[in-house]
Amino acid sequence: MLCKVDGALSNESMSFLILGGDDRLVELANIFLGKGYKVYTHGMEKATNCQAENIESLEEAISKCDVIVGPIPFSKEGKTVNSNYSKEPIEIENLFSKITPEKKLYFGAVNKVSRELAEKYSIKYVDYHMDESYQILNTIPTAEGAIALMVSETDKTVFGSNVLILGYGRIGKLLSEYAKAMGAKVYVEARKDEDLTWIKSKGMNEIHLNNLRDHIGNMDIIVNTVPSILLDESALELVKKDILILDLASLPGGVNHSYAKQIGIKSIHALGIPGKIAAKSAAEYIFETILKQLKGV
């Protein structure tokens, strides 16, 4: 049973099941365990650094917990839970068929197919990825990871390079500041007048989407944050042959990567950066978000 003691959640009365995932959920299980919560995992048979007990039977694992925490993204194709360390695939339909109504469910970035399966089985869940504070915090490792790729995947310094960032959302805002701090000549594409004004006010070069193709031929690095194809075949024909293109947008991304490869352009679809370069920090953000949501804050 879930309860509060003096306004805080009682860790003695709560048990968590951490289900599948990547290094972020391995670290999340360790965090819960370190805070004194009862923690079990399922789908982490191959995770050597997970300190929590892994239960191979899904039904038994569910029966032992009050709260189920799934990965981010919850699923890549909608049929199985995203799980890097499980020996066998975790079927979403099988999972949902075993969940009883009293369980609290927290999944990240649930796609359309998974949402439809949840509706079929009357599964109620919270998508912790939709929490605004979590999304803001999650931009930090994403931006740092993008900077690391800009350094390691080019033969030039970021300092003095022409860097174009497509999109001025959470990631675009932070990444543009990081690149500027490193001495890059920063250009940012946006659609809204207020965003273009903010970009200009911060000493960066604003580019309206309608004028994008007038500028891309001068860039050394392009980073896309927009989940819509902005760099199609015709746009890619305009860029330098030695350019680096980083695509940070969720699938399908914003770059025609197959065509880029075909014409010899280096493009990287860098998905799941927080889990790859800063799993502990990313896990702390998930932990804080889920506890906040459990408290009803």
C-alpha atoms as a PDB file:
ATOM      1  CA  MET A   1       0.000   0.000   0.000  1.00  0.00           C
ATOM      2  CA  LEU A   2       1.201   3.511  -0.817  1.00  0.00           C
ATOM      3  CA  CYS A   3       1.168   5.971   2.059  1.00  0.00           C
ATOM      4  CA  LYS A   4       2.647   9.265   3.236  1.00  0.00           C
ATOM      5  CA  VAL A   5       4.373   9.957   6.519  1.00  0.00           C
ATOM      6  CA  ASP A   6       4.519  13.637   7.576  1.00  0.00           C
ATOM      7  CA  GLY A   7       3.940  14.684   3.977  1.00  0.00           C
ATOM      8  CA  ALA A   8       6.650  12.367   2.620  1.00  0.00           C
ATOM      9  CA  LEU A   9       6.354   8.958   1.046  1.00  0.00           C
ATOM     10  CA  SER A  10       7.176   6.081   3.329  1.00  0.00           C
ATOM     11  CA  ASN A  11       9.905   4.007   1.714  1.00  0.00           C
ATOM     12  CA  GLU A  12       9.180   1.131   4.067  1.00  0.00           C
ATOM     13  CA  SER A  13       5.714   0.556   2.611  1.00  0.00           C
ATOM     14  CA  MET A  14       6.500   0.853  -1.084  1.00  0.00           C
ATOM     15  CA  SER A  15       7.914  -1.668  -3.505  1.00  0.00           C
ATOM     16  CA  PHE A  16       9.015  -0.923  -7.049  1.00  0.00           C
ATOM     17  CA  LEU A  17       9.480  -3.018 -10.162  1.00  0.00           C
ATOM     18  CA  ILE A  18      11.962  -1.569 -12.656  1.00  0.00           C
ATOM     19  CA  LEU A  19      11.119  -3.075 -16.008  1.00  0.00           C
ATOM     20  CA  GLY A  20      13.572  -3.400 -18.895  1.00  0.00           C
ATOM     21  CA  GLY A  21      15.291  -0.285 -20.170  1.00  0.00           C
ATOM     22  CA  ASP A  22      18.910   0.738 -20.622  1.00  0.00           C
ATOM     23  CA  ASP A  23      21.617   1.989 -18.253  1.00  0.00           C
ATOM     24  CA  ARG A  24      19.255   4.698 -16.982  1.00  0.00           C
ATOM     25  CA  LEU A  25      16.916   2.120 -15.462  1.00  0.00           C
ATOM     26  CA  VAL A  26      19.817   0.063 -14.114  1.00  0.00           C
ATOM     27  CA  GLU A  27      20.965   3.169 -12.255  1.00  0.00           C
ATOM     28  CA  LEU A  28      17.374   3.969 -11.277  1.00  0.00           C
ATOM     29  CA  ALA A  29      17.028   0.575  -9.584  1.00  0.00           C
ATOM     30  CA  ASN A  30      20.260   1.238  -7.696  1.00  0.00           C
ATOM     31  CA  ILE A  31      19.007   4.671  -6.602  1.00  0.00           C
ATOM     32  CA  PHE A  32      15.722   3.289  -5.256  1.00  0.00           C
ATOM     33  CA  LEU A  33      17.626   0.553  -3.453  1.00  0.00           C
ATOM     34  CA  GLY A  34      20.052   3.051  -1.964  1.00  0.00           C
ATOM     35  CA  LYS A  35      17.141   5.139  -0.669  1.00  0.00           C
ATOM     36  CA  GLY A  36      15.760   2.181   1.246  1.00  0.00           C
ATOM     37  CA  TYR A  37      12.919   1.151  -1.056  1.00  0.00           C
ATOM     38  CA  LYS A  38      12.073  -2.441  -1.888  1.00  0.00           C
ATOM     39  CA  VAL A  39      13.139  -2.838  -5.488  1.00  0.00           C
ATOM     40  CA  TYR A  40      12.914  -5.672  -7.981  1.00  0.00           C
ATOM     41  CA  THR A  41      13.771  -5.787 -11.649  1.00  0.00           C
ATOM     42  CA  HIS A  42      12.546  -7.785 -14.605  1.00  0.00           C
ATOM     43  CA  GLY A  43      14.333  -7.935 -17.928  1.00  0.00           C
ATOM     44  CA  MET A  44      17.777  -7.133 -16.528  1.00  0.00           C
ATOM     45  CA  GLU A  45      19.333 -10.574 -16.593  1.00  0.00           C
ATOM     46  CA  LYS A  46      22.396  -9.290 -18.457  1.00  0.00           C
ATOM     47  CA  ALA A  47      22.921  -6.117 -16.401  1.00  0.00           C
ATOM     48  CA  THR A  48      26.061  -6.851 -14.386  1.00  0.00           C
ATOM     49  CA  ASN A  49      26.016  -3.670 -12.278  1.00  0.00           C
ATOM     50  CA  CYS A  50      22.383  -3.776 -11.133  1.00  0.00           C
ATOM     51  CA  GLN A  51      22.199  -4.319  -7.374  1.00  0.00           C
ATOM     52  CA  ALA A  52      18.474  -5.109  -7.172  1.00  0.00           C
ATOM     53  CA  GLU A  53      17.076  -8.619  -7.348  1.00  0.00           C
ATOM     54  CA  ASN A  54      16.014  -9.602 -10.871  1.00  0.00           C
ATOM     55  CA  ILE A  55      12.898 -11.779 -11.040  1.00  0.00           C
ATOM     56  CA  GLU A  56      12.653 -13.878 -14.189  1.00  0.00           C
ATOM     57  CA  SER A  57       8.908 -14.542 -13.897  1.00  0.00           C
ATOM     58  CA  LEU A  58       6.983 -11.464 -15.048  1.00  0.00           C
ATOM     59  CA  GLU A  59       3.878 -12.501 -13.135  1.00  0.00           C
ATOM     60  CA  GLU A  60       5.835 -12.955  -9.910  1.00  0.00           C
ATOM     61  CA  ALA A  61       7.646  -9.646 -10.421  1.00  0.00           C
ATOM     62  CA  ILE A  62       4.363  -7.780 -10.843  1.00  0.00           C
ATOM     63  CA  SER A  63       2.858  -9.437  -7.780  1.00  0.00           C
ATOM     64  CA  LYS A  64       5.710  -8.186  -5.564  1.00  0.00           C
ATOM     65  CA  CYS A  65       5.408  -4.490  -6.440  1.00  0.00           C
ATOM     66  CA  ASP A  66       3.163  -1.480  -5.854  1.00  0.00           C
ATOM     67  CA  VAL A  67       4.703   0.625  -8.605  1.00  0.00           C
ATOM     68  CA  ILE A  68       5.951  -0.430 -12.035  1.00  0.00           C
ATOM     69  CA  VAL A  69       8.481   1.819 -13.761  1.00  0.00           C
ATOM     70  CA  GLY A  70       9.140   1.275 -17.448  1.00  0.00           C
ATOM     71  CA  PRO A  71      11.885   2.638 -19.695  1.00  0.00           C
ATOM     72  CA  ILE A  72      12.168   5.678 -21.912  1.00  0.00           C
ATOM     73  CA  PRO A  73      11.204   5.199 -24.630  1.00  0.00           C
ATOM     74  CA  PHE A  74       8.777   2.563 -23.391  1.00  0.00           C
ATOM     75  CA  SER A  75       8.892   0.760 -26.739  1.00  0.00           C
ATOM     76  CA  LYS A  76      10.594   1.342 -30.057  1.00  0.00           C
ATOM     77  CA  GLU A  77       8.155  -0.554 -32.264  1.00  0.00           C
ATOM     78  CA  GLY A  78       5.066  -0.897 -30.054  1.00  0.00           C
ATOM     79  CA  LYS A  79       5.152  -4.657 -29.504  1.00  0.00           C
ATOM     80  CA  THR A  80       7.923  -5.177 -26.966  1.00  0.00           C
ATOM     81  CA  VAL A  81       9.247  -3.164 -24.043  1.00  0.00           C
ATOM     82  CA  ASN A  82      12.508  -1.399 -24.801  1.00  0.00           C
ATOM     83  CA  SER A  83      15.039  -3.532 -22.957  1.00  0.00           C
ATOM     84  CA  ASN A  84      18.791  -3.701 -23.511  1.00  0.00           C
ATOM     85  CA  TYR A  85      19.548  -6.277 -20.830  1.00  0.00           C
ATOM     86  CA  SER A  86      16.825  -8.910 -21.102  1.00  0.00           C
ATOM     87  CA  LYS A  87      17.512 -12.359 -22.503  1.00  0.00           C
ATOM     88  CA  GLU A  88      13.998 -12.627 -23.922  1.00  0.00           C
ATOM     89  CA  PRO A  89      11.715  -9.910 -25.339  1.00  0.00           C
ATOM     90  CA  ILE A  90       9.113  -8.497 -22.954  1.00  0.00           C
ATOM     91  CA  GLU A  91       5.829  -8.518 -24.865  1.00  0.00           C
ATOM     92  CA  ILE A  92       3.735  -5.437 -24.069  1.00  0.00           C
ATOM     93  CA  GLU A  93       0.415  -7.222 -24.545  1.00  0.00           C
ATOM     94  CA  ASN A  94       1.502  -9.997 -22.197  1.00  0.00           C
ATOM     95  CA  LEU A  95       2.648  -7.391 -19.659  1.00  0.00           C
ATOM     96  CA  PHE A  96      -0.621  -5.432 -19.794  1.00  0.00           C
ATOM     97  CA  SER A  97      -2.694  -8.596 -19.491  1.00  0.00           C
ATOM     98  CA  LYS A  98      -1.021  -9.366 -16.136  1.00  0.00           C
ATOM     99  CA  ILE A  99      -1.277  -5.919 -14.529  1.00  0.00           C
ATOM    100  CA  THR A 100      -3.979  -5.570 -11.898  1.00  0.00           C
ATOM    101  CA  PRO A 101      -5.880  -2.278 -11.360  1.00  0.00           C
ATOM    102  CA  GLU A 102      -4.251  -1.334  -8.034  1.00  0.00           C
ATOM    103  CA  LYS A 103      -0.760  -1.076  -9.559  1.00  0.00           C
ATOM    104  CA  LYS A 104       0.682   2.359 -10.317  1.00  0.00           C
ATOM    105  CA  LEU A 105       2.435   2.547 -13.662  1.00  0.00           C
ATOM    106  CA  TYR A 106       5.095   5.004 -14.840  1.00  0.00           C
ATOM    107  CA  PHE A 107       6.358   4.675 -18.396  1.00  0.00           C
ATOM    108  CA  GLY A 108       8.381   7.055 -20.555  1.00  0.00           C
ATOM    109  CA  ALA A 109       7.599   8.366 -24.055  1.00  0.00           C
ATOM    110  CA  VAL A 110       4.759   5.936 -24.781  1.00  0.00           C
ATOM    111  CA  ASN A 111       4.084   5.649 -28.516  1.00  0.00           C
ATOM    112  CA  LYS A 112       0.744   5.344 -30.327  1.00  0.00           C
ATOM    113  CA  VAL A 113       0.775   1.544 -30.634  1.00  0.00           C
ATOM    114  CA  SER A 114       1.518   1.095 -26.938  1.00  0.00           C
ATOM    115  CA  ARG A 115      -1.183   3.609 -25.992  1.00  0.00           C
ATOM    116  CA  GLU A 116      -3.712   1.643 -28.016  1.00  0.00           C
ATOM    117  CA  LEU A 117      -2.717  -1.596 -26.267  1.00  0.00           C
ATOM    118  CA  ALA A 118      -3.039   0.148 -22.895  1.00  0.00           C
ATOM    119  CA  GLU A 119      -6.536   1.254 -23.838  1.00  0.00           C
ATOM    120  CA  LYS A 120      -7.427  -2.275 -24.937  1.00  0.00           C
ATOM    121  CA  TYR A 121      -6.518  -3.622 -21.479  1.00  0.00           C
ATOM    122  CA  SER A 122      -7.859  -0.590 -19.563  1.00  0.00           C
ATOM    123  CA  ILE A 123      -4.346   0.188 -18.337  1.00  0.00           C
ATOM    124  CA  LYS A 124      -3.927   3.580 -16.693  1.00  0.00           C
ATOM    125  CA  TYR A 125      -0.406   4.931 -16.605  1.00  0.00           C
ATOM    126  CA  VAL A 126       1.603   8.135 -16.211  1.00  0.00           C
ATOM    127  CA  ASP A 127       4.048   9.108 -18.954  1.00  0.00           C
ATOM    128  CA  TYR A 128       6.814  10.654 -16.846  1.00  0.00           C
ATOM    129  CA  HIS A 129       8.518  11.919 -19.999  1.00  0.00           C
ATOM    130  CA  MET A 130       5.711  14.458 -20.358  1.00  0.00           C
ATOM    131  CA  ASP A 131       6.666  16.172 -17.099  1.00  0.00           C
ATOM    132  CA  GLU A 132       7.983  19.633 -18.033  1.00  0.00           C
ATOM    133  CA  SER A 133      10.605  19.763 -15.282  1.00  0.00           C
ATOM    134  CA  TYR A 134      11.909  16.346 -16.308  1.00  0.00           C
ATOM    135  CA  GLN A 135      12.143  17.395 -19.945  1.00  0.00           C
ATOM    136  CA  ILE A 136      14.081  20.516 -19.032  1.00  0.00           C
ATOM    137  CA  LEU A 137      16.559  18.556 -16.902  1.00  0.00           C
ATOM    138  CA  ASN A 138      16.888  15.908 -19.604  1.00  0.00           C
ATOM    139  CA  THR A 139      18.111  18.519 -22.078  1.00  0.00           C
ATOM    140  CA  ILE A 140      21.317  18.922 -20.058  1.00  0.00           C
ATOM    141  CA  PRO A 141      22.894  15.508 -20.862  1.00  0.00           C
ATOM    142  CA  THR A 142      21.462  15.715 -24.384  1.00  0.00           C
ATOM    143  CA  ALA A 143      23.169  19.054 -25.026  1.00  0.00           C
ATOM    144  CA  GLU A 144      26.417  17.912 -23.380  1.00  0.00           C
ATOM    145  CA  GLY A 145      26.375  14.724 -25.454  1.00  0.00           C
ATOM    146  CA  ALA A 146      25.831  16.732 -28.629  1.00  0.00           C
ATOM    147  CA  ILE A 147      28.821  18.920 -27.772  1.00  0.00           C
ATOM    148  CA  ALA A 148      30.918  15.787 -27.151  1.00  0.00           C
ATOM    149  CA  LEU A 149      29.999  14.478 -30.616  1.00  0.00           C
ATOM    150  CA  MET A 150      30.764  17.842 -32.196  1.00  0.00           C
ATOM    151  CA  VAL A 151      34.262  17.599 -30.699  1.00  0.00           C
ATOM    152  CA  SER A 152      34.954  13.912 -31.359  1.00  0.00           C
ATOM    153  CA  GLU A 153      33.385  13.527 -34.803  1.00  0.00           C
ATOM    154  CA  THR A 154      35.109  16.456 -36.541  1.00  0.00           C
ATOM    155  CA  ASP A 155      38.707  17.385 -37.271  1.00  0.00           C
ATOM    156  CA  LYS A 156      38.144  21.047 -36.400  1.00  0.00           C
ATOM    157  CA  THR A 157      37.608  22.888 -33.152  1.00  0.00           C
ATOM    158  CA  VAL A 158      34.098  23.971 -32.275  1.00  0.00           C
ATOM    159  CA  PHE A 159      35.703  27.353 -31.655  1.00  0.00           C
ATOM    160  CA  GLY A 160      35.401  29.373 -34.853  1.00  0.00           C
ATOM    161  CA  SER A 161      33.131  26.844 -36.580  1.00  0.00           C
ATOM    162  CA  ASN A 162      29.845  27.817 -38.163  1.00  0.00           C
ATOM    163  CA  VAL A 163      27.288  25.853 -36.178  1.00  0.00           C
ATOM    164  CA  LEU A 164      23.634  25.784 -37.209  1.00  0.00           C
ATOM    165  CA  ILE A 165      21.001  24.503 -34.783  1.00  0.00           C
ATOM    166  CA  LEU A 166      17.635  23.629 -36.263  1.00  0.00           C
ATOM    167  CA  GLY A 167      14.863  24.401 -33.800  1.00  0.00           C
ATOM    168  CA  TYR A 168      14.694  26.612 -30.723  1.00  0.00           C
ATOM    169  CA  GLY A 169      12.929  24.385 -28.244  1.00  0.00           C
ATOM    170  CA  ARG A 170      14.391  23.157 -24.967  1.00  0.00           C
ATOM    171  CA  ILE A 171      17.407  21.473 -26.533  1.00  0.00           C
ATOM    172  CA  GLY A 172      17.987  24.203 -29.105  1.00  0.00           C
ATOM    173  CA  LYS A 173      18.008  26.893 -26.431  1.00  0.00           C
ATOM    174  CA  LEU A 174      20.561  25.142 -24.222  1.00  0.00           C
ATOM    175  CA  LEU A 175      22.748  23.763 -26.999  1.00  0.00           C
ATOM    176  CA  SER A 176      23.037  27.123 -28.731  1.00  0.00           C
ATOM    177  CA  GLU A 177      24.294  28.665 -25.470  1.00  0.00           C
ATOM    178  CA  TYR A 178      26.842  25.853 -25.011  1.00  0.00           C
ATOM    179  CA  ALA A 179      28.130  26.202 -28.582  1.00  0.00           C
ATOM    180  CA  LYS A 180      28.371  29.990 -28.233  1.00  0.00           C
ATOM    181  CA  ALA A 181      30.295  29.618 -24.962  1.00  0.00           C
ATOM    182  CA  MET A 182      32.813  27.439 -26.830  1.00  0.00           C
ATOM    183  CA  GLY A 183      33.423  30.187 -29.355  1.00  0.00           C
ATOM    184  CA  ALA A 184      31.374  28.870 -32.255  1.00  0.00           C
ATOM    185  CA  LYS A 185      29.637  31.187 -34.690  1.00  0.00           C
ATOM    186  CA  VAL A 186      26.100  30.102 -33.852  1.00  0.00           C
ATOM    187  CA  TYR A 187      23.132  30.227 -36.187  1.00  0.00           C
ATOM    188  CA  VAL A 188      19.693  29.095 -35.030  1.00  0.00           C
ATOM    189  CA  GLU A 189      16.683  28.274 -37.216  1.00  0.00           C
ATOM    190  CA  ALA A 190      13.221  29.052 -35.873  1.00  0.00           C
ATOM    191  CA  ARG A 191       9.730  29.824 -37.147  1.00  0.00           C
ATOM    192  CA  LYS A 192       8.231  32.133 -34.532  1.00  0.00           C
ATOM    193  CA  ASP A 193       9.029  35.823 -34.526  1.00  0.00           C
ATOM    194  CA  GLU A 194       9.529  35.856 -30.761  1.00  0.00           C
ATOM    195  CA  ASP A 195      12.039  32.995 -30.977  1.00  0.00           C
ATOM    196  CA  LEU A 196      13.951  34.774 -33.736  1.00  0.00           C
ATOM    197  CA  THR A 197      14.036  37.895 -31.577  1.00  0.00           C
ATOM    198  CA  TRP A 198      15.310  35.975 -28.552  1.00  0.00           C
ATOM    199  CA  ILE A 199      18.036  34.371 -30.685  1.00  0.00           C
ATOM    200  CA  LYS A 200      19.155  37.787 -31.912  1.00  0.00           C
ATOM    201  CA  SER A 201      19.050  39.254 -28.394  1.00  0.00           C
ATOM    202  CA  LYS A 202      21.473  36.566 -27.204  1.00  0.00           C
ATOM    203  CA  GLY A 203      24.049  37.559 -29.790  1.00  0.00           C
ATOM    204  CA  MET A 204      23.400  34.669 -32.159  1.00  0.00           C
ATOM    205  CA  ASN A 205      22.369  34.668 -35.802  1.00  0.00           C
ATOM    206  CA  GLU A 206      18.665  34.057 -36.375  1.00  0.00           C
ATOM    207  CA  ILE A 207      17.463  32.227 -39.492  1.00  0.00           C
ATOM    208  CA  HIS A 208      13.802  31.880 -40.422  1.00  0.00           C
ATOM    209  CA  LEU A 209      12.836  28.455 -41.742  1.00  0.00           C
ATOM    210  CA  ASN A 210      11.864  30.008 -45.067  1.00  0.00           C
ATOM    211  CA  ASN A 211      15.459  31.214 -45.544  1.00  0.00           C
ATOM    212  CA  LEU A 212      17.190  28.069 -44.298  1.00  0.00           C
ATOM    213  CA  ARG A 213      18.567  26.938 -47.648  1.00  0.00           C
ATOM    214  CA  ASP A 214      20.256  30.278 -48.204  1.00  0.00           C
ATOM    215  CA  HIS A 215      22.591  29.517 -45.281  1.00  0.00           C
ATOM    216  CA  ILE A 216      23.208  25.775 -44.963  1.00  0.00           C
ATOM    217  CA  GLY A 217      25.989  25.764 -47.541  1.00  0.00           C
ATOM    218  CA  ASN A 218      28.182  27.833 -45.200  1.00  0.00           C
ATOM    219  CA  MET A 219      27.896  25.576 -42.164  1.00  0.00           C
ATOM    220  CA  ASP A 220      30.549  23.303 -40.665  1.00  0.00           C
ATOM    221  CA  ILE A 221      28.152  21.579 -38.255  1.00  0.00           C
ATOM    222  CA  ILE A 222      24.375  21.272 -38.337  1.00  0.00           C
ATOM    223  CA  VAL A 223      22.452  19.945 -35.341  1.00  0.00           C
ATOM    224  CA  ASN A 224      18.794  19.103 -35.837  1.00  0.00           C
ATOM    225  CA  THR A 225      16.358  19.074 -32.911  1.00  0.00           C
ATOM    226  CA  VAL A 226      13.130  19.128 -34.949  1.00  0.00           C
ATOM    227  CA  PRO A 227      11.176  15.834 -35.401  1.00  0.00           C
ATOM    228  CA  SER A 228      10.308  16.696 -39.002  1.00  0.00           C
ATOM    229  CA  ILE A 229      12.381  16.250 -42.147  1.00  0.00           C
ATOM    230  CA  LEU A 230      14.126  19.576 -42.725  1.00  0.00           C
ATOM    231  CA  LEU A 231      17.217  18.185 -44.415  1.00  0.00           C
ATOM    232  CA  ASP A 232      15.795  16.246 -47.338  1.00  0.00           C
ATOM    233  CA  GLU A 233      17.614  15.239 -50.524  1.00  0.00           C
ATOM    234  CA  SER A 234      17.530  18.684 -52.082  1.00  0.00           C
ATOM    235  CA  ALA A 235      18.726  20.389 -48.888  1.00  0.00           C
ATOM    236  CA  LEU A 236      21.570  17.902 -48.436  1.00  0.00           C
ATOM    237  CA  GLU A 237      22.804  18.712 -51.931  1.00  0.00           C
ATOM    238  CA  LEU A 238      23.557  22.249 -50.697  1.00  0.00           C
ATOM    239  CA  VAL A 239      25.798  21.422 -47.700  1.00  0.00           C
ATOM    240  CA  LYS A 240      29.587  21.077 -47.596  1.00  0.00           C
ATOM    241  CA  LYS A 241      30.948  17.599 -48.226  1.00  0.00           C
ATOM    242  CA  ASP A 242      32.979  17.692 -45.005  1.00  0.00           C
ATOM    243  CA  ILE A 243      30.086  18.822 -42.802  1.00  0.00           C
ATOM    244  CA  LEU A 244      28.969  17.002 -39.677  1.00  0.00           C
ATOM    245  CA  ILE A 245      25.202  16.622 -39.254  1.00  0.00           C
ATOM    246  CA  LEU A 246      23.865  15.541 -35.870  1.00  0.00           C
ATOM    247  CA  ASP A 247      20.205  14.571 -35.615  1.00  0.00           C
ATOM    248  CA  LEU A 248      18.889  14.662 -32.038  1.00  0.00           C
ATOM    249  CA  ALA A 249      15.208  14.384 -32.949  1.00  0.00           C
ATOM    250  CA  SER A 250      13.161  11.319 -32.070  1.00  0.00           C
ATOM    251  CA  LEU A 251      12.238   8.891 -34.844  1.00  0.00           C
ATOM    252  CA  PRO A 252      11.942   9.381 -37.754  1.00  0.00           C
ATOM    253  CA  GLY A 253      14.249  12.354 -37.140  1.00  0.00           C
ATOM    254  CA  GLY A 254      14.789  15.405 -39.288  1.00  0.00           C
ATOM    255  CA  VAL A 255      17.427  14.229 -41.766  1.00  0.00           C
ATOM    256  CA  ASN A 256      17.373  11.880 -44.753  1.00  0.00           C
ATOM    257  CA  HIS A 257      20.271   9.839 -43.392  1.00  0.00           C
ATOM    258  CA  SER A 258      20.244   7.228 -46.153  1.00  0.00           C
ATOM    259  CA  TYR A 259      20.674   9.903 -48.805  1.00  0.00           C
ATOM    260  CA  ALA A 260      23.351  11.649 -46.745  1.00  0.00           C
ATOM    261  CA  LYS A 261      25.306   8.392 -46.648  1.00  0.00           C
ATOM    262  CA  GLN A 262      24.748   7.895 -50.370  1.00  0.00           C
ATOM    263  CA  ILE A 263      26.371  11.239 -51.243  1.00  0.00           C
ATOM    264  CA  GLY A 264      29.162  10.956 -48.676  1.00  0.00           C
ATOM    265  CA  ILE A 265      27.799  13.312 -45.999  1.00  0.00           C
ATOM    266  CA  LYS A 266      28.567  12.387 -42.387  1.00  0.00           C
ATOM    267  CA  SER A 267      25.291  12.298 -40.478  1.00  0.00           C
ATOM    268  CA  ILE A 268      24.643  10.747 -37.085  1.00  0.00           C
ATOM    269  CA  HIS A 269      21.194  10.031 -35.658  1.00  0.00           C
ATOM    270  CA  ALA A 270      22.130  10.383 -32.005  1.00  0.00           C
ATOM    271  CA  LEU A 271      19.201   8.862 -30.113  1.00  0.00           C
ATOM    272  CA  GLY A 272      19.077   8.236 -26.368  1.00  0.00           C
ATOM    273  CA  ILE A 273      22.094  10.385 -25.534  1.00  0.00           C
ATOM    274  CA  PRO A 274      21.247  10.784 -21.804  1.00  0.00           C
ATOM    275  CA  GLY A 275      21.289   7.025 -21.304  1.00  0.00           C
ATOM    276  CA  LYS A 276      24.608   6.674 -23.109  1.00  0.00           C
ATOM    277  CA  ILE A 277      26.699   9.484 -21.635  1.00  0.00           C
ATOM    278  CA  ALA A 278      25.081  10.375 -18.311  1.00  0.00           C
ATOM    279  CA  ALA A 279      23.019   7.418 -17.132  1.00  0.00           C
ATOM    280  CA  LYS A 280      23.354   8.261 -13.429  1.00  0.00           C
ATOM    281  CA  SER A 281      22.209  11.852 -13.836  1.00  0.00           C
ATOM    282  CA  ALA A 282      19.391  10.781 -16.167  1.00  0.00           C
ATOM    283  CA  ALA A 283      18.276   8.180 -13.605  1.00  0.00           C
ATOM    284  CA  GLU A 284      18.245  10.812 -10.859  1.00  0.00           C
ATOM    285  CA  TYR A 285      15.920  12.952 -12.992  1.00  0.00           C
ATOM    286  CA  ILE A 286      13.556  10.000 -13.466  1.00  0.00           C
ATOM    287  CA  PHE A 287      13.685   9.179  -9.738  1.00  0.00           C
ATOM    288  CA  GLU A 288      12.868  12.762  -8.715  1.00  0.00           C
ATOM    289  CA  THR A 289      10.049  12.981 -11.268  1.00  0.00           C
ATOM    290  CA  ILE A 290       8.366   9.735 -10.243  1.00  0.00           C
ATOM    291  CA  LEU A 291       8.512  10.534  -6.528  1.00  0.00           C
ATOM    292  CA  LYS A 292       7.069  13.980  -7.218  1.00  0.00           C
ATOM    293  CA  GLN A 293       4.237  12.420  -9.203  1.00  0.00           C
ATOM    294  CA  LEU A 294       3.576   9.807  -6.518  1.00  0.00           C
ATOM    295  CA  LYS A 295       3.301  12.594  -3.943  1.00  0.00           C
ATOM    296  CA  GLY A 296       0.829  14.367  -6.194  1.00  0.00           C
ATOM    297  CA  VAL A 297       2.938  17.527  -6.354  1.00  0.00           C
END
